[in-house]
């Protein structure tokens, strides 16, 4: 069973928070407007692929992947709100800069949630994985050009679950963990 998740394919595996379908569509529509406004050429991220990456799990040996899985199952917290109120471009690879939604005040619960998952991973022996930097964002598109930080009307949703995503020619939600106490 674990082979499905830990195989050495080029697929990426990661834990993420994903918007509900209605919010994903609103984010996508905002991205369409901003793409035109900034005169970007990059392809928009499809609504079904919009997410907030929490932890990358690709390339973990099976034992560590199982420990990460168990850590995810250990997480107990109430659903919480996230809200993004700015856009900006990250540095990225030359010619391939991520254009993203970011925020600050509306993401404090998300940062705390990620710390909770990280603590569970540390208890399972995955301190290296848990101690990675985290800049909460939703990638809207990749483009050769960048844009400075700019305010937008806040857009958010209630995070009521987190998911294990396999990314290879699309996103497949392999496992969902509901939030509850």
Protein backbone atom coordinates (compact mmCIF):
# COMPACT_ATOMS: atom_id res chain seq x y z
CA UNK A 1 0.00 0.00 0.00
CA UNK A 2 2.74 2.50 0.93
CA UNK A 3 4.41 1.84 -2.44
CA UNK A 4 1.66 3.95 -4.00
CA UNK A 5 2.85 6.91 -1.92
CA UNK A 6 6.61 6.39 -1.64
CA UNK A 7 7.48 5.22 -5.15
CA UNK A 8 10.49 6.83 -6.77
CA UNK A 9 8.48 8.39 -9.60
CA UNK A 10 8.86 12.05 -10.53
CA UNK A 11 5.64 12.83 -8.67
CA UNK A 12 5.83 15.31 -5.81
CA UNK A 13 4.14 14.46 -2.52
CA UNK A 14 3.21 17.16 -0.03
CA UNK A 15 0.80 18.08 2.72
CA UNK A 16 -1.39 21.07 1.92
CA UNK A 17 -4.42 23.12 2.85
CA UNK A 18 -6.77 23.56 -0.10
CA UNK A 19 -9.57 26.06 -0.62
CA UNK A 20 -13.14 24.90 -1.11
CA UNK A 21 -14.31 24.88 -4.75
CA UNK A 22 -16.08 28.25 -4.56
CA UNK A 23 -13.08 29.99 -3.02
CA UNK A 24 -10.74 28.33 -5.52
CA UNK A 25 -12.85 29.75 -8.33
CA UNK A 26 -12.79 33.24 -6.75
CA UNK A 27 -9.02 33.05 -6.41
CA UNK A 28 -8.74 31.93 -10.03
CA UNK A 29 -10.92 34.83 -11.22
CA UNK A 30 -8.77 37.27 -9.23
CA UNK A 31 -5.68 35.71 -10.82
CA UNK A 32 -7.20 36.25 -14.29
CA UNK A 33 -7.69 39.96 -13.57
CA UNK A 34 -4.20 40.34 -12.10
CA UNK A 35 -2.60 38.46 -14.99
CA UNK A 36 -4.06 41.02 -17.42
CA UNK A 37 -3.22 43.96 -15.15
CA UNK A 38 0.44 42.89 -14.85
CA UNK A 39 0.59 41.75 -18.49
CA UNK A 40 1.91 38.35 -17.48
CA UNK A 41 2.32 35.62 -20.10
CA UNK A 42 2.41 32.69 -17.67
CA UNK A 43 -0.29 30.05 -17.46
CA UNK A 44 -2.73 30.39 -14.56
CA UNK A 45 -2.84 27.63 -11.97
CA UNK A 46 -6.14 25.76 -12.40
CA UNK A 47 -8.66 26.16 -9.55
CA UNK A 48 -8.34 22.47 -8.60
CA UNK A 49 -4.58 22.87 -8.11
CA UNK A 50 -4.66 25.93 -5.84
CA UNK A 51 -3.28 25.15 -2.39
CA UNK A 52 -1.05 26.21 0.49
CA UNK A 53 1.91 23.84 0.75
CA UNK A 54 2.62 22.82 4.33
CA UNK A 55 5.34 20.13 4.13
CA UNK A 56 7.12 18.44 1.22
CA UNK A 57 7.25 14.66 1.61
CA UNK A 58 8.78 13.62 -1.72
CA UNK A 59 11.75 11.30 -1.57
CA UNK A 60 11.31 10.19 2.02
CA UNK A 61 12.24 6.58 2.72
CA UNK A 62 9.21 4.42 3.50
CA UNK A 63 9.87 4.44 7.26
CA UNK A 64 10.03 8.24 7.40
CA UNK A 65 6.99 8.57 5.17
CA UNK A 66 5.06 6.29 7.53
CA UNK A 67 6.20 8.45 10.47
CA UNK A 68 4.97 11.58 8.65
CA UNK A 69 1.65 9.82 7.98
CA UNK A 70 1.32 8.94 11.67
CA UNK A 71 2.21 12.52 12.64
CA UNK A 72 -0.58 13.80 10.37
CA UNK A 73 -3.00 11.40 12.07
CA UNK A 74 -1.93 12.77 15.48
CA UNK A 75 -2.94 16.36 14.67
CA UNK A 76 -5.95 17.61 16.62
CA UNK A 77 -7.08 21.20 16.17
CA UNK A 78 -10.23 23.10 15.35
CA UNK A 79 -10.92 24.41 11.85
CA UNK A 80 -9.61 27.95 11.35
CA UNK A 81 -9.79 30.86 8.94
CA UNK A 82 -7.08 31.95 6.50
CA UNK A 83 -7.09 35.25 4.64
CA UNK A 84 -4.74 36.64 1.99
CA UNK A 85 -4.62 40.38 1.32
CA UNK A 86 -1.64 41.01 -0.98
CA UNK A 87 0.05 39.71 -4.10
CA UNK A 88 3.75 39.62 -4.89
CA UNK A 89 6.29 37.74 -6.97
CA UNK A 90 8.85 35.47 -5.34
CA UNK A 91 12.31 35.18 -6.81
CA UNK A 92 12.02 31.64 -8.19
CA UNK A 93 14.12 30.28 -11.02
CA UNK A 94 15.18 32.68 -13.78
CA UNK A 95 12.26 33.11 -16.18
CA UNK A 96 9.91 31.25 -13.83
CA UNK A 97 8.92 33.54 -10.95
CA UNK A 98 5.95 32.53 -8.79
CA UNK A 99 3.24 35.19 -8.55
CA UNK A 100 1.43 34.53 -5.27
CA UNK A 101 -1.19 35.55 -2.76
CA UNK A 102 0.33 36.40 0.63
CA UNK A 103 -0.86 37.89 3.87
CA UNK A 104 0.08 38.38 7.46
CA UNK A 105 -2.64 38.84 10.10
CA UNK A 106 -5.00 36.42 8.35
CA UNK A 107 -2.42 33.62 8.39
CA UNK A 108 -1.43 33.43 12.06
CA UNK A 109 -3.67 30.41 12.73
CA UNK A 110 -2.21 28.69 9.67
CA UNK A 111 1.32 29.26 10.95
CA UNK A 112 0.32 27.86 14.34
CA UNK A 113 -1.32 24.87 12.62
CA UNK A 114 1.86 24.16 10.67
CA UNK A 115 3.85 24.34 13.92
CA UNK A 116 1.44 21.77 15.39
CA UNK A 117 2.10 19.40 12.48
CA UNK A 118 5.83 20.10 12.80
CA UNK A 119 5.75 19.23 16.52
CA UNK A 120 3.96 15.97 15.70
CA UNK A 121 6.63 15.20 13.08
CA UNK A 122 9.41 15.99 15.56
CA UNK A 123 7.83 13.56 18.07
CA UNK A 124 7.94 10.93 15.29
CA UNK A 125 11.65 11.54 14.64
CA UNK A 126 11.29 13.92 11.67
CA UNK A 127 12.86 17.05 13.16
CA UNK A 128 14.73 17.82 9.89
CA UNK A 129 11.48 17.85 7.95
CA UNK A 130 9.70 19.94 10.60
CA UNK A 131 12.39 22.64 10.77
CA UNK A 132 11.93 24.05 7.28
CA UNK A 133 11.12 27.68 6.50
CA UNK A 134 7.52 28.55 5.81
CA UNK A 135 6.10 31.51 3.92
CA UNK A 136 2.35 30.87 3.60
CA UNK A 137 1.16 31.59 0.06
CA UNK A 138 -1.05 30.43 -2.78
CA UNK A 139 0.72 30.38 -6.16
CA UNK A 140 -1.43 31.92 -8.91
CA UNK A 141 0.94 31.54 -11.89
CA UNK A 142 4.60 31.48 -12.91
CA UNK A 143 6.00 34.17 -15.19
CA UNK A 144 9.32 35.45 -16.50
CA UNK A 145 8.57 38.87 -15.02
CA UNK A 146 7.80 39.77 -11.46
CA UNK A 147 5.50 42.23 -9.72
CA UNK A 148 5.99 44.22 -6.55
CA UNK A 149 3.82 43.57 -3.50
CA UNK A 150 0.34 45.01 -3.97
CA UNK A 151 -2.79 44.98 -1.76
CA UNK A 152 -5.92 43.12 -2.89
CA UNK A 153 -9.37 42.69 -1.41
CA UNK A 154 -8.93 39.97 1.26
CA UNK A 155 -9.82 36.49 0.11
CA UNK A 156 -9.95 33.51 2.42
CA UNK A 157 -11.67 30.34 3.56
CA UNK A 158 -12.11 28.04 6.53
CA UNK A 159 -9.45 25.33 6.66
CA UNK A 160 -11.35 22.27 7.84
CA UNK A 161 -8.93 19.59 6.63
CA UNK A 162 -5.48 19.08 5.22
CA UNK A 163 -4.57 16.72 2.42
CA UNK A 164 -1.76 14.60 1.06
CA UNK A 165 -1.34 15.59 -2.58
CA UNK A 166 0.50 13.74 -5.32
CA UNK A 167 1.45 16.14 -8.09
CA UNK A 168 2.16 14.58 -11.47
CA UNK A 169 0.22 15.83 -14.50
CA UNK A 170 -2.34 17.29 -12.11
CA UNK A 171 -3.06 17.00 -8.42
CA UNK A 172 -4.45 13.87 -6.86
CA UNK A 173 -5.73 14.16 -3.29
CA UNK A 174 -4.63 10.85 -1.82
CA UNK A 175 -5.65 11.29 1.82
CA UNK A 176 -7.71 13.88 3.71
CA UNK A 177 -7.36 14.51 7.42
CA UNK A 178 -10.30 16.47 8.91
CA UNK A 179 -9.56 19.03 11.60
CA UNK A 180 -11.21 18.36 14.95
CA UNK A 181 -10.35 18.35 18.63
